C-alpha atoms as a PDB file:
ATOM      1  CA  MET A   1      43.447   5.780  45.646  1.00  0.00           C
ATOM      2  CA  SER A   2      43.160   2.199  44.450  1.00  0.00           C
ATOM      3  CA  ALA A   3      41.471   1.225  41.202  1.00  0.00           C
ATOM      4  CA  THR A   4      37.804   0.485  41.528  1.00  0.00           C
ATOM      5  CA  THR A   5      34.744   0.427  39.327  1.00  0.00           C
ATOM      6  CA  ALA A   6      32.056   2.950  38.683  1.00  0.00           C
ATOM      7  CA  GLU A   7      29.556   0.151  39.195  1.00  0.00           C
ATOM      8  CA  THR A   8      30.872  -0.496  42.717  1.00  0.00           C
ATOM      9  CA  ILE A   9      30.586   3.150  43.723  1.00  0.00           C
ATOM     10  CA  HIS A  10      27.474   4.332  41.963  1.00  0.00           C
ATOM     11  CA  ALA A  11      25.242   1.476  40.790  1.00  0.00           C
ATOM     12  CA  PRO A  12      21.805   1.590  42.425  1.00  0.00           C
ATOM     13  CA  THR A  13      20.640  -1.304  44.499  1.00  0.00           C
ATOM     14  CA  PRO A  14      18.012  -3.615  42.952  1.00  0.00           C
ATOM     15  CA  THR A  15      15.319  -2.041  45.139  1.00  0.00           C
ATOM     16  CA  SER A  16      16.254   1.556  44.340  1.00  0.00           C
ATOM     17  CA  ALA A  17      14.734   1.707  40.876  1.00  0.00           C
ATOM     18  CA  SER A  18      11.286   3.267  40.957  1.00  0.00           C
ATOM     19  CA  GLY A  19       8.336   2.338  38.793  1.00  0.00           C
ATOM     20  CA  ALA A  20       8.792   5.612  36.888  1.00  0.00           C
ATOM     21  CA  ASP A  21      12.414   4.744  36.251  1.00  0.00           C
ATOM     22  CA  ARG A  22      11.466   1.326  34.882  1.00  0.00           C
ATOM     23  CA  LYS A  23       9.006   3.018  32.539  1.00  0.00           C
ATOM     24  CA  ARG A  24      11.714   5.393  31.348  1.00  0.00           C
ATOM     25  CA  ASN A  25      14.019   2.460  30.734  1.00  0.00           C
ATOM     26  CA  ILE A  26      11.311   0.705  28.702  1.00  0.00           C
ATOM     27  CA  ALA A  27      10.740   3.933  26.739  1.00  0.00           C
ATOM     28  CA  LEU A  28      14.450   4.230  25.976  1.00  0.00           C
ATOM     29  CA  TRP A  29      14.696   0.670  24.673  1.00  0.00           C
ATOM     30  CA  ALA A  30      11.497   1.174  22.684  1.00  0.00           C
ATOM     31  CA  LEU A  31      12.950   4.311  21.072  1.00  0.00           C
ATOM     32  CA  THR A  32      16.208   2.466  20.411  1.00  0.00           C
ATOM     33  CA  GLY A  33      14.363  -0.376  18.689  1.00  0.00           C
ATOM     34  CA  LEU A  34      12.114   1.980  16.737  1.00  0.00           C
ATOM     35  CA  SER A  35      15.121   3.997  15.593  1.00  0.00           C
ATOM     36  CA  LEU A  36      16.865   0.857  14.326  1.00  0.00           C
ATOM     37  CA  LEU A  37      13.731  -0.366  12.527  1.00  0.00           C
ATOM     38  CA  THR A  38      13.144   3.037  10.956  1.00  0.00           C
ATOM     39  CA  ALA A  39      16.739   3.360   9.786  1.00  0.00           C
ATOM     40  CA  ILE A  40      16.892  -0.132   8.292  1.00  0.00           C
ATOM     41  CA  LEU A  41      13.362  -0.826   7.021  1.00  0.00           C
ATOM     42  CA  PHE A  42      12.223   2.616   5.832  1.00  0.00           C
ATOM     43  CA  PRO A  43      14.564   2.679   2.791  1.00  0.00           C
ATOM     44  CA  LEU A  44      13.671  -0.933   1.887  1.00  0.00           C
ATOM     45  CA  PHE A  45       9.929  -0.307   1.755  1.00  0.00           C
ATOM     46  CA  THR A  46       9.896   3.257   0.430  1.00  0.00           C
ATOM     47  CA  GLY A  47      13.046   3.510  -1.678  1.00  0.00           C
ATOM     48  CA  SER A  48      13.731   6.805   0.114  1.00  0.00           C
ATOM     49  CA  PRO A  49      16.426   7.628   2.683  1.00  0.00           C
ATOM     50  CA  SER A  50      15.334   7.299   6.304  1.00  0.00           C
ATOM     51  CA  GLY A  51      17.452  10.248   7.417  1.00  0.00           C
ATOM     52  CA  LEU A  52      14.897  12.728   8.730  1.00  0.00           C
ATOM     53  CA  ALA A  53      12.590  10.131  10.328  1.00  0.00           C
ATOM     54  CA  ALA A  54      15.481   8.403  12.095  1.00  0.00           C
ATOM     55  CA  LEU A  55      17.051  11.680  13.205  1.00  0.00           C
ATOM     56  CA  LEU A  56      13.812  13.027  14.654  1.00  0.00           C
ATOM     57  CA  LEU A  57      13.610   9.956  16.900  1.00  0.00           C
ATOM     58  CA  THR A  58      16.978  10.877  18.436  1.00  0.00           C
ATOM     59  CA  ILE A  59      15.411  13.991  19.980  1.00  0.00           C
ATOM     60  CA  PRO A  60      13.001  12.357  22.488  1.00  0.00           C
ATOM     61  CA  PHE A  61      15.652   9.698  23.138  1.00  0.00           C
ATOM     62  CA  ALA A  62      18.222  12.364  24.014  1.00  0.00           C
ATOM     63  CA  PHE A  63      15.825  14.150  26.371  1.00  0.00           C
ATOM     64  CA  ILE A  64      14.814  11.001  28.283  1.00  0.00           C
ATOM     65  CA  HIS A  65      18.282   9.464  28.389  1.00  0.00           C
ATOM     66  CA  GLY A  66      20.025  12.782  29.029  1.00  0.00           C
ATOM     67  CA  ILE A  67      17.871  13.742  32.014  1.00  0.00           C
ATOM     68  CA  ARG A  68      18.619  10.350  33.588  1.00  0.00           C
ATOM     69  CA  ARG A  69      22.328  10.663  32.911  1.00  0.00           C
ATOM     70  CA  TYR A  70      22.985  14.322  33.660  1.00  0.00           C
ATOM     71  CA  GLY A  71      19.882  15.723  35.303  1.00  0.00           C
ATOM     72  CA  ALA A  72      17.439  18.192  33.766  1.00  0.00           C
ATOM     73  CA  ARG A  73      19.515  21.344  34.274  1.00  0.00           C
ATOM     74  CA  ARG A  74      22.689  20.083  32.604  1.00  0.00           C
ATOM     75  CA  LEU A  75      20.745  18.368  29.816  1.00  0.00           C
ATOM     76  CA  LEU A  76      18.897  21.636  29.160  1.00  0.00           C
ATOM     77  CA  THR A  77      22.286  23.366  29.044  1.00  0.00           C
ATOM     78  CA  PHE A  78      23.413  20.910  26.372  1.00  0.00           C
ATOM     79  CA  PHE A  79      20.239  21.526  24.357  1.00  0.00           C
ATOM     80  CA  VAL A  80      20.548  25.321  24.524  1.00  0.00           C
ATOM     81  CA  VAL A  81      24.253  25.280  23.643  1.00  0.00           C
ATOM     82  CA  THR A  82      23.818  22.958  20.651  1.00  0.00           C
ATOM     83  CA  PHE A  83      20.770  24.863  19.386  1.00  0.00           C
ATOM     84  CA  VAL A  84      22.272  28.338  19.696  1.00  0.00           C
ATOM     85  CA  VAL A  85      25.751  27.455  18.384  1.00  0.00           C
ATOM     86  CA  SER A  86      24.472  25.419  15.438  1.00  0.00           C
ATOM     87  CA  ASN A  87      21.843  27.977  14.418  1.00  0.00           C
ATOM     88  CA  PHE A  88      24.338  30.837  14.674  1.00  0.00           C
ATOM     89  CA  PHE A  89      26.933  29.166  12.455  1.00  0.00           C
ATOM     90  CA  GLU A  90      24.356  27.822   9.985  1.00  0.00           C
ATOM     91  CA  ASN A  91      22.951  31.325   9.467  1.00  0.00           C
ATOM     92  CA  LEU A  92      26.447  32.776   9.322  1.00  0.00           C
ATOM     93  CA  SER A  93      27.453  30.320   6.606  1.00  0.00           C
ATOM     94  CA  ILE A  94      24.296  30.913   4.567  1.00  0.00           C
ATOM     95  CA  SER A  95      25.052  34.653   4.689  1.00  0.00           C
ATOM     96  CA  THR A  96      28.853  34.618   4.310  1.00  0.00           C
ATOM     97  CA  GLY A  97      29.991  31.113   3.308  1.00  0.00           C
ATOM     98  CA  PHE A  98      31.835  30.525   6.605  1.00  0.00           C
ATOM     99  CA  PRO A  99      32.324  27.901   7.992  1.00  0.00           C
ATOM    100  CA  PHE A 100      30.433  25.333   5.868  1.00  0.00           C
ATOM    101  CA  GLY A 101      30.395  26.958   2.441  1.00  0.00           C
ATOM    102  CA  ASP A 102      27.757  28.599   0.267  1.00  0.00           C
ATOM    103  CA  TYR A 103      24.357  26.894   0.480  1.00  0.00           C
ATOM    104  CA  HIS A 104      20.722  27.503   1.301  1.00  0.00           C
ATOM    105  CA  TYR A 105      17.854  25.442   2.665  1.00  0.00           C
ATOM    106  CA  THR A 106      14.705  24.682   0.690  1.00  0.00           C
ATOM    107  CA  GLY A 107      12.398  23.689   3.573  1.00  0.00           C
ATOM    108  CA  SER A 108      10.244  25.732   5.929  1.00  0.00           C
ATOM    109  CA  PRO A 109       9.298  26.963   8.496  1.00  0.00           C
ATOM    110  CA  GLN A 110      12.637  28.545   9.251  1.00  0.00           C
ATOM    111  CA  LEU A 111      14.331  30.269  12.166  1.00  0.00           C
ATOM    112  CA  LEU A 112      15.983  33.111  10.274  1.00  0.00           C
ATOM    113  CA  GLN A 113      17.344  31.097   7.312  1.00  0.00           C
ATOM    114  CA  VAL A 114      17.474  27.620   8.895  1.00  0.00           C
ATOM    115  CA  PRO A 115      14.556  25.130   9.159  1.00  0.00           C
ATOM    116  CA  ILE A 116      13.368  24.960  12.759  1.00  0.00           C
ATOM    117  CA  GLN A 117      14.026  21.207  13.096  1.00  0.00           C
ATOM    118  CA  ILE A 118      17.759  21.532  12.339  1.00  0.00           C
ATOM    119  CA  GLY A 119      18.702  22.765  15.818  1.00  0.00           C
ATOM    120  CA  PRO A 120      16.921  19.914  17.665  1.00  0.00           C
ATOM    121  CA  ILE A 121      18.483  17.414  15.243  1.00  0.00           C
ATOM    122  CA  TYR A 122      21.940  18.764  16.114  1.00  0.00           C
ATOM    123  CA  PHE A 123      20.964  18.138  19.741  1.00  0.00           C
ATOM    124  CA  GLY A 124      19.690  14.575  19.229  1.00  0.00           C
ATOM    125  CA  LEU A 125      22.461  13.452  16.887  1.00  0.00           C
ATOM    126  CA  GLY A 126      25.016  15.308  18.989  1.00  0.00           C
ATOM    127  CA  TYR A 127      23.909  13.443  22.089  1.00  0.00           C
ATOM    128  CA  LEU A 128      24.418  10.106  20.302  1.00  0.00           C
ATOM    129  CA  ALA A 129      27.869  11.117  19.061  1.00  0.00           C
ATOM    130  CA  TRP A 130      28.852  12.452  22.502  1.00  0.00           C
ATOM    131  CA  LEU A 131      27.991   9.227  24.341  1.00  0.00           C
ATOM    132  CA  THR A 132      29.336   6.953  21.602  1.00  0.00           C
ATOM    133  CA  ALA A 133      32.620   8.843  21.856  1.00  0.00           C
ATOM    134  CA  SER A 134      32.444   8.558  25.647  1.00  0.00           C
ATOM    135  CA  ALA A 135      32.078   4.779  25.344  1.00  0.00           C
ATOM    136  CA  LEU A 136      35.113   4.649  23.036  1.00  0.00           C
ATOM    137  CA  LEU A 137      37.072   6.599  25.659  1.00  0.00           C
ATOM    138  CA  ASP A 138      35.919   4.363  28.529  1.00  0.00           C
ATOM    139  CA  ASN A 139      33.128   6.507  29.979  1.00  0.00           C
ATOM    140  CA  ALA A 140      35.128   9.708  29.586  1.00  0.00           C
ATOM    141  CA  ASP A 141      32.163  12.007  30.277  1.00  0.00           C
ATOM    142  CA  SER A 142      32.257  10.857  33.914  1.00  0.00           C
ATOM    143  CA  ARG A 143      35.910  11.889  34.287  1.00  0.00           C
ATOM    144  CA  LEU A 144      36.327  15.471  33.124  1.00  0.00           C
ATOM    145  CA  GLY A 145      38.455  18.200  34.652  1.00  0.00           C
ATOM    146  CA  ARG A 146      41.473  18.455  36.914  1.00  0.00           C
ATOM    147  CA  GLY A 147      39.712  16.669  39.744  1.00  0.00           C
ATOM    148  CA  HIS A 148      40.280  13.413  37.859  1.00  0.00           C
ATOM    149  CA  GLY A 149      43.981  13.979  37.339  1.00  0.00           C
ATOM    150  CA  ARG A 150      45.752  13.821  34.001  1.00  0.00           C
ATOM    151  CA  ALA A 151      43.048  11.592  32.484  1.00  0.00           C
ATOM    152  CA  GLY A 152      40.375  14.116  33.412  1.00  0.00           C
ATOM    153  CA  THR A 153      42.289  16.988  31.813  1.00  0.00           C
ATOM    154  CA  ILE A 154      42.868  15.008  28.613  1.00  0.00           C
ATOM    155  CA  ASN A 155      39.247  13.829  28.490  1.00  0.00           C
ATOM    156  CA  THR A 156      37.985  17.412  28.744  1.00  0.00           C
ATOM    157  CA  PHE A 157      39.442  18.164  25.315  1.00  0.00           C
ATOM    158  CA  ALA A 158      39.738  14.725  23.707  1.00  0.00           C
ATOM    159  CA  LEU A 159      36.069  13.797  24.201  1.00  0.00           C
ATOM    160  CA  PRO A 160      34.696  16.892  22.391  1.00  0.00           C
ATOM    161  CA  ALA A 161      37.192  16.426  19.553  1.00  0.00           C
ATOM    162  CA  LEU A 162      36.241  12.766  19.079  1.00  0.00           C
ATOM    163  CA  ALA A 163      32.497  13.427  19.425  1.00  0.00           C
ATOM    164  CA  ALA A 164      32.786  16.141  16.743  1.00  0.00           C
ATOM    165  CA  ALA A 165      34.597  13.678  14.475  1.00  0.00           C
ATOM    166  CA  LEU A 166      31.760  11.166  14.946  1.00  0.00           C
ATOM    167  CA  MET A 167      29.209  13.855  14.079  1.00  0.00           C
ATOM    168  CA  THR A 168      31.168  14.745  10.951  1.00  0.00           C
ATOM    169  CA  MET A 169      31.512  11.061  10.054  1.00  0.00           C
ATOM    170  CA  PHE A 170      27.728  10.856   9.918  1.00  0.00           C
ATOM    171  CA  ASP A 171      27.541  13.867   7.613  1.00  0.00           C
ATOM    172  CA  VAL A 172      30.208  12.500   5.258  1.00  0.00           C
ATOM    173  CA  GLY A 173      28.003   9.445   4.728  1.00  0.00           C
ATOM    174  CA  SER A 174      24.713  11.304   4.267  1.00  0.00           C
ATOM    175  CA  ASP A 175      25.102  14.884   3.026  1.00  0.00           C
ATOM    176  CA  SER A 176      25.306  13.987  -0.672  1.00  0.00           C
ATOM    177  CA  ILE A 177      22.008  12.103  -0.494  1.00  0.00           C
ATOM    178  CA  SER A 178      20.271  14.874   1.443  1.00  0.00           C
ATOM    179  CA  SER A 179      21.529  17.697  -0.759  1.00  0.00           C
ATOM    180  CA  THR A 180      22.422  16.469  -4.256  1.00  0.00           C
ATOM    181  CA  VAL A 181      19.650  13.847  -4.450  1.00  0.00           C
ATOM    182  CA  SER A 182      16.889  15.024  -2.097  1.00  0.00           C
ATOM    183  CA  HIS A 183      17.591  18.795  -2.428  1.00  0.00           C
ATOM    184  CA  THR A 184      16.872  19.414   1.253  1.00  0.00           C
ATOM    185  CA  TRP A 185      19.603  22.049   0.926  1.00  0.00           C
ATOM    186  CA  ILE A 186      21.493  23.273  -2.143  1.00  0.00           C
ATOM    187  CA  TRP A 187      25.256  23.706  -2.447  1.00  0.00           C
ATOM    188  CA  GLU A 188      25.444  26.744  -4.699  1.00  0.00           C
ATOM    189  CA  HIS A 189      28.950  26.088  -6.036  1.00  0.00           C
ATOM    190  CA  GLY A 190      28.858  22.294  -5.898  1.00  0.00           C
ATOM    191  CA  GLY A 191      31.750  20.230  -4.583  1.00  0.00           C
ATOM    192  CA  GLY A 192      33.904  17.202  -5.176  1.00  0.00           C
ATOM    193  CA  LEU A 193      32.053  14.697  -3.005  1.00  0.00           C
ATOM    194  CA  PHE A 194      28.974  14.233  -5.208  1.00  0.00           C
ATOM    195  CA  GLY A 195      28.226  17.947  -5.197  1.00  0.00           C
ATOM    196  CA  VAL A 196      29.283  18.665  -1.601  1.00  0.00           C
ATOM    197  CA  PRO A 197      32.410  20.786  -0.893  1.00  0.00           C
ATOM    198  CA  TYR A 198      35.081  19.654   1.556  1.00  0.00           C
ATOM    199  CA  THR A 199      34.530  22.889   3.519  1.00  0.00           C
ATOM    200  CA  ASN A 200      31.197  21.460   4.684  1.00  0.00           C
ATOM    201  CA  TYR A 201      32.931  18.678   6.594  1.00  0.00           C
ATOM    202  CA  LEU A 202      35.584  20.953   8.059  1.00  0.00           C
ATOM    203  CA  GLY A 203      32.738  23.230   9.148  1.00  0.00           C
ATOM    204  CA  TRP A 204      30.841  20.357  10.727  1.00  0.00           C
ATOM    205  CA  TRP A 205      33.865  19.312  12.763  1.00  0.00           C
ATOM    206  CA  PHE A 206      34.527  22.901  13.865  1.00  0.00           C
ATOM    207  CA  VAL A 207      30.944  23.810  14.811  1.00  0.00           C
ATOM    208  CA  THR A 208      30.173  20.568  16.640  1.00  0.00           C
ATOM    209  CA  TYR A 209      33.531  20.746  18.428  1.00  0.00           C
ATOM    210  CA  VAL A 210      32.582  24.207  19.714  1.00  0.00           C
ATOM    211  CA  PHE A 211      29.350  23.105  21.379  1.00  0.00           C
ATOM    212  CA  PHE A 212      30.815  19.820  22.640  1.00  0.00           C
ATOM    213  CA  GLN A 213      33.747  21.694  24.166  1.00  0.00           C
ATOM    214  CA  ILE A 214      31.440  24.142  25.921  1.00  0.00           C
ATOM    215  CA  PHE A 215      29.445  21.256  27.391  1.00  0.00           C
ATOM    216  CA  ALA A 216      32.623  19.441  28.473  1.00  0.00           C
ATOM    217  CA  LEU A 217      33.796  22.537  30.332  1.00  0.00           C
ATOM    218  CA  VAL A 218      30.371  22.832  32.004  1.00  0.00           C
ATOM    219  CA  LEU A 219      30.585  19.211  33.181  1.00  0.00           C
ATOM    220  CA  ALA A 220      34.206  19.627  34.278  1.00  0.00           C
ATOM    221  CA  ARG A 221      33.180  22.454  36.593  1.00  0.00           C
ATOM    222  CA  THR A 222      30.338  20.452  38.132  1.00  0.00           C
ATOM    223  CA  ASP A 223      30.691  18.867  41.550  1.00  0.00           C
ATOM    224  CA  SER A 224      31.818  15.230  41.257  1.00  0.00           C
ATOM    225  CA  ASN A 225      28.826  14.159  43.345  1.00  0.00           C
ATOM    226  CA  HIS A 226      26.700  14.902  40.283  1.00  0.00           C
ATOM    227  CA  SER A 227      28.718  12.776  37.880  1.00  0.00           C
ATOM    228  CA  PRO A 228      26.767  10.780  35.256  1.00  0.00           C
ATOM    229  CA  GLN A 229      27.032   7.484  37.147  1.00  0.00           C
ATOM    230  CA  ASN A 230      25.285   9.040  40.131  1.00  0.00           C
ATOM    231  CA  THR A 231      22.106   9.780  38.184  1.00  0.00           C
ATOM    232  CA  THR A 232      19.086   7.949  39.594  1.00  0.00           C
ATOM    233  CA  GLY A 233      18.196   4.814  37.703  1.00  0.00           C
ATOM    234  CA  LEU A 234      21.276   4.764  35.453  1.00  0.00           C
ATOM    235  CA  ARG A 235      22.223   1.339  34.121  1.00  0.00           C
ATOM    236  CA  HIS A 236      25.728   0.512  32.998  1.00  0.00           C
ATOM    237  CA  GLY A 237      24.156  -0.713  29.748  1.00  0.00           C
ATOM    238  CA  SER A 238      22.931   2.812  29.031  1.00  0.00           C
ATOM    239  CA  LEU A 239      25.878   3.597  26.752  1.00  0.00           C
ATOM    240  CA  ALA A 240      24.818   0.695  24.517  1.00  0.00           C
ATOM    241  CA  GLN A 241      21.581   2.446  23.530  1.00  0.00           C
ATOM    242  CA  PRO A 242      23.098   5.538  21.849  1.00  0.00           C
ATOM    243  CA  ALA A 243      25.788   3.356  20.237  1.00  0.00           C
ATOM    244  CA  LEU A 244      23.081   1.087  18.789  1.00  0.00           C
ATOM    245  CA  ILE A 245      21.176   4.026  17.302  1.00  0.00           C
ATOM    246  CA  TYR A 246      24.398   5.523  15.931  1.00  0.00           C
ATOM    247  CA  THR A 247      25.202   2.180  14.278  1.00  0.00           C
ATOM    248  CA  GLY A 248      21.672   2.030  12.859  1.00  0.00           C
ATOM    249  CA  LEU A 249      22.201   5.360  11.099  1.00  0.00           C
ATOM    250  CA  GLY A 250      25.044   3.708   9.228  1.00  0.00           C
ATOM    251  CA  LEU A 251      23.040   0.578   8.457  1.00  0.00           C
ATOM    252  CA  SER A 252      20.356   2.686   6.775  1.00  0.00           C
ATOM    253  CA  SER A 253      22.662   3.405   3.845  1.00  0.00           C
ATOM    254  CA  ILE A 254      23.011  -0.325   3.130  1.00  0.00           C
ATOM    255  CA  THR A 255      19.281  -0.856   2.760  1.00  0.00           C
ATOM    256  CA  TYR A 256      18.970   2.366   0.753  1.00  0.00           C
ATOM    257  CA  PHE A 257      21.660   1.097  -1.624  1.00  0.00           C
ATOM    258  CA  MET A 258      19.608  -2.073  -2.158  1.00  0.00           C
ATOM    259  CA  ALA A 259      16.729  -0.037  -3.620  1.00  0.00           C
ATOM    260  CA  ASP A 260      16.670   0.636  -7.366  1.00  0.00           C
ATOM    261  CA  HIS A 261      18.608   3.859  -7.999  1.00  0.00           C
ATOM    262  CA  THR A 262      19.796   3.942 -11.611  1.00  0.00           C
ATOM    263  CA  THR A 263      19.081   7.572 -12.445  1.00  0.00           C
ATOM    264  CA  HIS A 264      21.273  10.663 -12.640  1.00  0.00           C
ATOM    265  CA  VAL A 265      21.040  13.935 -10.731  1.00  0.00           C
ATOM    266  CA  THR A 266      22.384  17.374 -11.574  1.00  0.00           C
ATOM    267  CA  ASP A 267      23.762  19.702  -8.905  1.00  0.00           C
ATOM    268  CA  ALA A 268      23.471  23.494  -8.843  1.00  0.00           C
ATOM    269  CA  THR A 269      26.577  23.933 -11.011  1.00  0.00           C
ATOM    270  CA  GLY A 270      25.316  21.623 -13.766  1.00  0.00           C
ATOM    271  CA  VAL A 271      27.514  18.630 -12.878  1.00  0.00           C
ATOM    272  CA  VAL A 272      25.720  15.312 -13.456  1.00  0.00           C
ATOM    273  CA  TRP A 273      26.161  12.582 -10.855  1.00  0.00           C
ATOM    274  CA  ASP A 274      25.265   8.910 -11.116  1.00  0.00           C
ATOM    275  CA  THR A 275      22.976   8.027  -8.187  1.00  0.00           C
ATOM    276  CA  ALA A 276      24.015   4.363  -8.145  1.00  0.00           C
ATOM    277  CA  ALA A 277      27.660   5.375  -7.678  1.00  0.00           C
ATOM    278  CA  LEU A 278      26.635   7.975  -5.104  1.00  0.00           C
ATOM    279  CA  ASN A 279      24.648   5.481  -3.023  1.00  0.00           C
ATOM    280  CA  GLU A 280      27.367   2.840  -3.267  1.00  0.00           C
ATOM    281  CA  THR A 281      29.965   5.340  -2.086  1.00  0.00           C
ATOM    282  CA  MET A 282      27.828   6.504   0.839  1.00  0.00           C
ATOM    283  CA  MET A 283      27.210   2.876   1.847  1.00  0.00           C
ATOM    284  CA  THR A 284      30.943   2.098   1.764  1.00  0.00           C
ATOM    285  CA  ILE A 285      31.755   5.209   3.805  1.00  0.00           C
ATOM    286  CA  ASN A 286      29.200   4.233   6.446  1.00  0.00           C
ATOM    287  CA  ILE A 287      30.240   0.569   6.634  1.00  0.00           C
ATOM    288  CA  PHE A 288      33.813   1.550   7.431  1.00  0.00           C
ATOM    289  CA  GLY A 289      32.830   4.629   9.395  1.00  0.00           C
ATOM    290  CA  LEU A 290      29.664   4.751  11.506  1.00  0.00           C
ATOM    291  CA  ILE A 291      29.158   0.994  11.661  1.00  0.00           C
ATOM    292  CA  VAL A 292      32.739   0.166  12.660  1.00  0.00           C
ATOM    293  CA  VAL A 293      32.800   2.929  15.286  1.00  0.00           C
ATOM    294  CA  GLY A 294      29.373   2.001  16.639  1.00  0.00           C
ATOM    295  CA  LEU A 295      30.268  -1.690  16.897  1.00  0.00           C
ATOM    296  CA  LEU A 296      33.536  -0.841  18.657  1.00  0.00           C
ATOM    297  CA  ALA A 297      31.598   1.240  21.203  1.00  0.00           C
ATOM    298  CA  LEU A 298      29.183  -1.673  21.716  1.00  0.00           C
ATOM    299  CA  VAL A 299      32.069  -4.118  22.209  1.00  0.00           C
ATOM    300  CA  LYS A 300      33.670  -1.852  24.802  1.00  0.00           C
ATOM    301  CA  THR A 301      30.338  -1.519  26.595  1.00  0.00           C
ATOM    302  CA  ALA A 302      29.761  -5.297  26.543  1.00  0.00           C
ATOM    303  CA  ARG A 303      33.301  -5.946  27.825  1.00  0.00           C
ATOM    304  CA  GLY A 304      32.702  -3.646  30.772  1.00  0.00           C
ATOM    305  CA  ASP A 305      35.330  -1.066  29.765  1.00  0.00           C
ATOM    306  CA  THR A 306      32.867   1.753  30.414  1.00  0.00           C
ATOM    307  CA  THR A 307      32.274   0.683  34.016  1.00  0.00           C
ATOM    308  CA  ARG A 308      35.944   0.483  34.978  1.00  0.00           C
ATOM    309  CA  THR A 309      37.353   3.772  36.160  1.00  0.00           C
ATOM    310  CA  THR A 310      40.701   4.312  37.839  1.00  0.00           C
ATOM    311  CA  LEU A 311      40.395   7.061  40.440  1.00  0.00           C
END
């Protein structure tokens, strides 16, 4: 079959978008803008990290965007898988130390030993990482499984692996602030990255890979007539929105670094860390991690790479 574009096959006609769809599109851009403002301005005006506020905004975004892209049933599948898998492994690690390491949460209310908001945050952040990775792989989530030839088979495993790496990249640039500084959770035996052990990041990659891989296999088994591009009201600019929010999460560390942080913090093992060095390191990690990756995804979206699919 000759090369063609997803836009040619699936893009709705100008008259096909309903009033409800236009409202959803406005809501998505509003959430995108609000997420960026929260991530960038919150640390400047409060001197505190914007992590939780910005992450909570990813949840309604993921629900609205995900239903448009995948339909309610498959989006609900993604939510259930991310919630169950993440909560299972978080509780397992708190009890046994596998796979993240030995830690405990300080917040409540909790589902077993994990604050109730953690599962939905895995879902919202996971959705951003999944679609940002899809943009980097030229709309890979629309070409999964054997029905799309060799590319589809490769995408089925490469997309979850890359999305998990993007999730872990976020945690590398934020966990030390959330745990060592903010004490949202406590690493009981400390660790080399400002009080965080390397096992945490290996655990993040493993756990997020598991739920991404399950979702990829679900999509790969779905009839091609229900591919993402066929979702009512989808715009080919839709991959820009999650990439923008993902980039904003990295930008938040720059504005947080600009606040006055000249104190010291002590982790659970008694090691003293300089907060200025910690914040500078997190900013550097995010500049050459989340921000670079997010901008690359935006460039590929702007160039039209995500709308060109060889069938």
